[in-house]
Amino acid sequence: VLEGILVTGSAQARATGECVRCLADI
């Protein structure tokens, strides 16, 4: 584009953590 390079798209990833109420792995 006139100002530079426009990048649009989508990304996929898997997040891991724990439930804030019961501390179960999610």
PDB file of all heavy atoms in Angstrom:
ATOM      1  N   VAL A   1       0.857  -1.179   0.000  1.00  0.00           N
ATOM      2  CA  VAL A   1       0.000   0.000   0.000  1.00  0.00           C
ATOM      3  C   VAL A   1       0.896   1.233   0.000  1.00  0.00           C
ATOM      4  O   VAL A   1       2.122   1.130   0.167  1.00  0.00           O
ATOM      5  CB  VAL A   1      -0.968   0.015   1.207  1.00  0.00           C
ATOM      6  CG1 VAL A   1      -1.956  -1.133   1.134  1.00  0.00           C
ATOM      7  CG2 VAL A   1      -0.210  -0.041   2.516  1.00  0.00           C
ATOM      8  N   LEU A   2       0.310   2.398  -0.168  1.00  0.00           N
ATOM      9  CA  LEU A   2       1.076   3.636  -0.274  1.00  0.00           C
ATOM     10  C   LEU A   2       1.979   3.872   0.935  1.00  0.00           C
ATOM     11  O   LEU A   2       3.133   4.286   0.797  1.00  0.00           O
ATOM     12  CB  LEU A   2       0.109   4.820  -0.444  1.00  0.00           C
ATOM     13  CG  LEU A   2       0.754   6.176  -0.645  1.00  0.00           C
ATOM     14  CD1 LEU A   2       1.581   6.186  -1.918  1.00  0.00           C
ATOM     15  CD2 LEU A   2      -0.292   7.268  -0.670  1.00  0.00           C
ATOM     16  N   GLU A   3       1.474   3.570   2.141  1.00  0.00           N
ATOM     17  CA  GLU A   3       2.233   3.834   3.359  1.00  0.00           C
ATOM     18  C   GLU A   3       3.267   2.763   3.682  1.00  0.00           C
ATOM     19  O   GLU A   3       4.136   2.961   4.513  1.00  0.00           O
ATOM     20  CB  GLU A   3       1.287   3.960   4.562  1.00  0.00           C
ATOM     21  CG  GLU A   3       0.337   5.131   4.489  1.00  0.00           C
ATOM     22  CD  GLU A   3      -0.920   4.805   3.671  1.00  0.00           C
ATOM     23  OE1 GLU A   3      -1.137   3.621   3.333  1.00  0.00           O
ATOM     24  OE2 GLU A   3      -1.656   5.743   3.362  1.00  0.00           O
ATOM     25  N   GLY A   4       3.146   1.570   3.100  1.00  0.00           N
ATOM     26  CA  GLY A   4       4.063   0.479   3.400  1.00  0.00           C
ATOM     27  C   GLY A   4       3.482  -0.858   3.012  1.00  0.00           C
ATOM     28  O   GLY A   4       3.023  -1.046   1.882  1.00  0.00           O
ATOM     29  N   ILE A   5       3.468  -1.789   3.944  1.00  0.00           N
ATOM     30  CA  ILE A   5       2.956  -3.142   3.706  1.00  0.00           C
ATOM     31  C   ILE A   5       1.855  -3.421   4.721  1.00  0.00           C
ATOM     32  O   ILE A   5       2.065  -3.317   5.927  1.00  0.00           O
ATOM     33  CB  ILE A   5       4.073  -4.188   3.825  1.00  0.00           C
ATOM     34  CG1 ILE A   5       5.141  -3.912   2.764  1.00  0.00           C
ATOM     35  CG2 ILE A   5       3.525  -5.593   3.693  1.00  0.00           C
ATOM     36  CD1 ILE A   5       6.370  -4.775   2.912  1.00  0.00           C
ATOM     37  N   LEU A   6       0.676  -3.792   4.212  1.00  0.00           N
ATOM     38  CA  LEU A   6      -0.464  -4.124   5.063  1.00  0.00           C
ATOM     39  C   LEU A   6      -0.556  -5.639   5.165  1.00  0.00           C
ATOM     40  O   LEU A   6      -0.610  -6.341   4.150  1.00  0.00           O
ATOM     41  CB  LEU A   6      -1.760  -3.555   4.476  1.00  0.00           C
ATOM     42  CG  LEU A   6      -3.039  -3.872   5.244  1.00  0.00           C
ATOM     43  CD1 LEU A   6      -2.995  -3.249   6.635  1.00  0.00           C
ATOM     44  CD2 LEU A   6      -4.255  -3.406   4.470  1.00  0.00           C
ATOM     45  N   VAL A   7      -0.556  -6.136   6.398  1.00  0.00           N
ATOM     46  CA  VAL A   7      -0.659  -7.581   6.643  1.00  0.00           C
ATOM     47  C   VAL A   7      -1.952  -7.833   7.398  1.00  0.00           C
ATOM     48  O   VAL A   7      -2.191  -7.269   8.469  1.00  0.00           O
ATOM     49  CB  VAL A   7       0.547  -8.094   7.468  1.00  0.00           C
ATOM     50  CG1 VAL A   7       0.408  -9.590   7.733  1.00  0.00           C
ATOM     51  CG2 VAL A   7       1.850  -7.788   6.771  1.00  0.00           C
ATOM     52  N   THR A   8      -2.818  -8.671   6.840  1.00  0.00           N
ATOM     53  CA  THR A   8      -4.050  -9.088   7.507  1.00  0.00           C
ATOM     54  C   THR A   8      -4.079 -10.604   7.509  1.00  0.00           C
ATOM     55  O   THR A   8      -3.545 -11.241   6.602  1.00  0.00           O
ATOM     56  CB  THR A   8      -5.313  -8.548   6.807  1.00  0.00           C
ATOM     57  OG1 THR A   8      -5.292  -8.977   5.443  1.00  0.00           O
ATOM     58  CG2 THR A   8      -5.376  -7.039   6.861  1.00  0.00           C
ATOM     59  N   GLY A   9      -4.696 -11.175   8.514  1.00  0.00           N
ATOM     60  CA  GLY A   9      -4.761 -12.623   8.539  1.00  0.00           C
ATOM     61  C   GLY A   9      -5.320 -13.166   9.829  1.00  0.00           C
ATOM     62  O   GLY A   9      -5.998 -12.474  10.586  1.00  0.00           O
ATOM     63  N   SER A  10      -5.016 -14.443  10.075  1.00  0.00           N
ATOM     64  CA  SER A  10      -5.473 -15.122  11.283  1.00  0.00           C
ATOM     65  C   SER A  10      -4.331 -15.958  11.844  1.00  0.00           C
ATOM     66  O   SER A  10      -3.425 -16.361  11.114  1.00  0.00           O
ATOM     67  CB  SER A  10      -6.677 -16.014  10.978  1.00  0.00           C
ATOM     68  OG  SER A  10      -6.311 -17.034  10.065  1.00  0.00           O
ATOM     69  N   ALA A  11      -4.400 -16.192  13.138  1.00  0.00           N
ATOM     70  CA  ALA A  11      -3.396 -17.018  13.810  1.00  0.00           C
ATOM     71  C   ALA A  11      -4.097 -17.973  14.758  1.00  0.00           C
ATOM     72  O   ALA A  11      -5.118 -17.634  15.355  1.00  0.00           O
ATOM     73  CB  ALA A  11      -2.408 -16.145  14.574  1.00  0.00           C
ATOM     74  N   GLN A  12      -3.527 -19.170  14.882  1.00  0.00           N
ATOM     75  CA  GLN A  12      -4.072 -20.208  15.757  1.00  0.00           C
ATOM     76  C   GLN A  12      -2.993 -20.678  16.713  1.00  0.00           C
ATOM     77  O   GLN A  12      -1.848 -20.889  16.300  1.00  0.00           O
ATOM     78  CB  GLN A  12      -4.508 -21.417  14.944  1.00  0.00           C
ATOM     79  CG  GLN A  12      -5.925 -21.408  14.501  1.00  0.00           C
ATOM     80  CD  GLN A  12      -6.254 -22.717  13.805  1.00  0.00           C
ATOM     81  OE1 GLN A  12      -5.669 -23.033  12.783  1.00  0.00           O
ATOM     82  NE2 GLN A  12      -7.189 -23.463  14.371  1.00  0.00           N
ATOM     83  N   ALA A  13      -3.370 -20.852  17.979  1.00  0.00           N
ATOM     84  CA  ALA A  13      -2.442 -21.380  18.982  1.00  0.00           C
ATOM     85  C   ALA A  13      -3.248 -21.995  20.118  1.00  0.00           C
ATOM     86  O   ALA A  13      -4.439 -21.738  20.266  1.00  0.00           O
ATOM     87  CB  ALA A  13      -1.537 -20.276  19.511  1.00  0.00           C
ATOM     88  N   ARG A  14      -2.577 -22.786  20.932  1.00  0.00           N
ATOM     89  CA  ARG A  14      -3.222 -23.412  22.099  1.00  0.00           C
ATOM     90  C   ARG A  14      -2.645 -22.788  23.364  1.00  0.00           C
ATOM     91  O   ARG A  14      -1.434 -22.749  23.558  1.00  0.00           O
ATOM     92  CB  ARG A  14      -2.980 -24.907  22.112  1.00  0.00           C
ATOM     93  CG  ARG A  14      -3.558 -25.562  23.379  1.00  0.00           C
ATOM     94  CD  ARG A  14      -3.582 -27.019  23.256  1.00  0.00           C
ATOM     95  NE  ARG A  14      -4.727 -27.318  22.383  1.00  0.00           N
ATOM     96  CZ  ARG A  14      -5.236 -28.508  22.228  1.00  0.00           C
ATOM     97  NH1 ARG A  14      -4.725 -29.530  22.831  1.00  0.00           N
ATOM     98  NH2 ARG A  14      -6.270 -28.708  21.446  1.00  0.00           N
ATOM     99  N   ALA A  15      -3.544 -22.311  24.213  1.00  0.00           N
ATOM    100  CA  ALA A  15      -3.151 -21.724  25.489  1.00  0.00           C
ATOM    101  C   ALA A  15      -3.432 -22.738  26.600  1.00  0.00           C
ATOM    102  O   ALA A  15      -4.376 -23.524  26.511  1.00  0.00           O
ATOM    103  CB  ALA A  15      -3.925 -20.445  25.750  1.00  0.00           C
ATOM    104  N   THR A  16      -2.612 -22.712  27.624  1.00  0.00           N
ATOM    105  CA  THR A  16      -2.809 -23.579  28.781  1.00  0.00           C
ATOM    106  C   THR A  16      -2.798 -22.726  30.044  1.00  0.00           C
ATOM    107  O   THR A  16      -2.172 -21.674  30.088  1.00  0.00           O
ATOM    108  CB  THR A  16      -1.716 -24.657  28.889  1.00  0.00           C
ATOM    109  OG1 THR A  16      -0.447 -24.021  29.005  1.00  0.00           O
ATOM    110  CG2 THR A  16      -1.725 -25.573  27.683  1.00  0.00           C
ATOM    111  N   GLY A  17      -3.513 -23.193  31.042  1.00  0.00           N
ATOM    112  CA  GLY A  17      -3.559 -22.448  32.293  1.00  0.00           C
ATOM    113  C   GLY A  17      -4.370 -23.200  33.322  1.00  0.00           C
ATOM    114  O   GLY A  17      -4.495 -24.425  33.258  1.00  0.00           O
ATOM    115  N   GLU A  18      -4.944 -22.442  34.254  1.00  0.00           N
ATOM    116  CA  GLU A  18      -5.773 -23.063  35.279  1.00  0.00           C
ATOM    117  C   GLU A  18      -7.013 -22.216  35.528  1.00  0.00           C
ATOM    118  O   GLU A  18      -6.999 -20.995  35.375  1.00  0.00           O
ATOM    119  CB  GLU A  18      -5.002 -23.286  36.573  1.00  0.00           C
ATOM    120  CG  GLU A  18      -4.461 -22.054  37.221  1.00  0.00           C
ATOM    121  CD  GLU A  18      -3.612 -22.368  38.442  1.00  0.00           C
ATOM    122  OE1 GLU A  18      -3.095 -23.485  38.562  1.00  0.00           O
ATOM    123  OE2 GLU A  18      -3.480 -21.473  39.282  1.00  0.00           O
ATOM    124  N   CYS A  19      -8.078 -22.900  35.874  1.00  0.00           N
ATOM    125  CA  CYS A  19      -9.354 -22.254  36.172  1.00  0.00           C
ATOM    126  C   CYS A  19      -9.179 -21.370  37.412  1.00  0.00           C
ATOM    127  O   CYS A  19      -8.604 -21.801  38.407  1.00  0.00           O
ATOM    128  CB  CYS A  19     -10.420 -23.314  36.420  1.00  0.00           C
ATOM    129  SG  CYS A  19     -12.027 -22.660  36.911  1.00  0.00           S
ATOM    130  N   VAL A  20      -9.685 -20.143  37.348  1.00  0.00           N
ATOM    131  CA  VAL A  20      -9.529 -19.231  38.483  1.00  0.00           C
ATOM    132  C   VAL A  20     -10.451 -19.578  39.643  1.00  0.00           C
ATOM    133  O   VAL A  20     -10.246 -19.085  40.750  1.00  0.00           O
ATOM    134  CB  VAL A  20      -9.741 -17.752  38.066  1.00  0.00           C
ATOM    135  CG1 VAL A  20      -8.669 -17.313  37.098  1.00  0.00           C
ATOM    136  CG2 VAL A  20     -11.121 -17.517  37.508  1.00  0.00           C
ATOM    137  N   ARG A  21     -11.442 -20.430  39.435  1.00  0.00           N
ATOM    138  CA  ARG A  21     -12.356 -20.801  40.514  1.00  0.00           C
ATOM    139  C   ARG A  21     -11.960 -22.096  41.201  1.00  0.00           C
ATOM    140  O   ARG A  21     -12.006 -22.201  42.421  1.00  0.00           O
ATOM    141  CB  ARG A  21     -13.785 -20.931  39.988  1.00  0.00           C
ATOM    142  CG  ARG A  21     -14.381 -19.597  39.596  1.00  0.00           C
ATOM    143  CD  ARG A  21     -15.829 -19.749  39.208  1.00  0.00           C
ATOM    144  NE  ARG A  21     -16.363 -18.515  38.660  1.00  0.00           N
ATOM    145  CZ  ARG A  21     -17.427 -18.458  37.900  1.00  0.00           C
ATOM    146  NH1 ARG A  21     -18.105 -19.554  37.606  1.00  0.00           N
ATOM    147  NH2 ARG A  21     -17.837 -17.300  37.431  1.00  0.00           N
ATOM    148  N   CYS A  22     -11.590 -23.128  40.405  1.00  0.00           N
ATOM    149  CA  CYS A  22     -11.317 -24.436  41.024  1.00  0.00           C
ATOM    150  C   CYS A  22      -9.878 -24.913  40.820  1.00  0.00           C
ATOM    151  O   CYS A  22      -9.523 -25.981  41.291  1.00  0.00           O
ATOM    152  CB  CYS A  22     -12.285 -25.481  40.485  1.00  0.00           C
ATOM    153  SG  CYS A  22     -11.982 -25.938  38.762  1.00  0.00           S
ATOM    154  N   LEU A  23      -9.077 -24.149  40.109  1.00  0.00           N
ATOM    155  CA  LEU A  23      -7.658 -24.437  39.879  1.00  0.00           C
ATOM    156  C   LEU A  23      -7.412 -25.682  39.030  1.00  0.00           C
ATOM    157  O   LEU A  23      -6.297 -26.209  39.017  1.00  0.00           O
ATOM    158  CB  LEU A  23      -6.896 -24.532  41.204  1.00  0.00           C
ATOM    159  CG  LEU A  23      -7.039 -23.333  42.135  1.00  0.00           C
ATOM    160  CD1 LEU A  23      -6.293 -23.577  43.436  1.00  0.00           C
ATOM    161  CD2 LEU A  23      -6.557 -22.064  41.467  1.00  0.00           C
ATOM    162  N   ALA A  24      -8.414 -26.142  38.294  1.00  0.00           N
ATOM    163  CA  ALA A  24      -8.232 -27.273  37.387  1.00  0.00           C
ATOM    164  C   ALA A  24      -7.439 -26.825  36.168  1.00  0.00           C
ATOM    165  O   ALA A  24      -7.536 -25.675  35.736  1.00  0.00           O
ATOM    166  CB  ALA A  24      -9.590 -27.829  36.950  1.00  0.00           C
ATOM    167  N   ASP A  25      -6.643 -27.732  35.608  1.00  0.00           N
ATOM    168  CA  ASP A  25      -5.893 -27.420  34.390  1.00  0.00           C
ATOM    169  C   ASP A  25      -6.864 -27.256  33.230  1.00  0.00           C
ATOM    170  O   ASP A  25      -7.827 -28.026  33.101  1.00  0.00           O
ATOM    171  CB  ASP A  25      -4.900 -28.536  34.069  1.00  0.00           C
ATOM    172  CG  ASP A  25      -3.767 -28.608  35.082  1.00  0.00           C
ATOM    173  OD1 ASP A  25      -3.499 -27.580  35.727  1.00  0.00           O
ATOM    174  OD2 ASP A  25      -3.166 -29.682  35.215  1.00  0.00           O
ATOM    175  N   ILE A  26      -6.595 -26.260  32.380  1.00  0.00           N
ATOM    176  CA  ILE A  26      -7.439 -26.033  31.210  1.00  0.00           C
ATOM    177  C   ILE A  26      -6.569 -25.789  29.983  1.00  0.00           C
ATOM    178  O   ILE A  26      -5.406 -25.391  30.089  1.00  0.00           O
ATOM    179  CB  ILE A  26      -8.402 -24.841  31.392  1.00  0.00           C
ATOM    180  CG1 ILE A  26      -7.638 -23.562  31.705  1.00  0.00           C
ATOM    181  CG2 ILE A  26      -9.421 -25.120  32.459  1.00  0.00           C
ATOM    182  CD1 ILE A  26      -8.517 -22.322  31.727  1.00  0.00           C
TER     183      ILE A  26
END
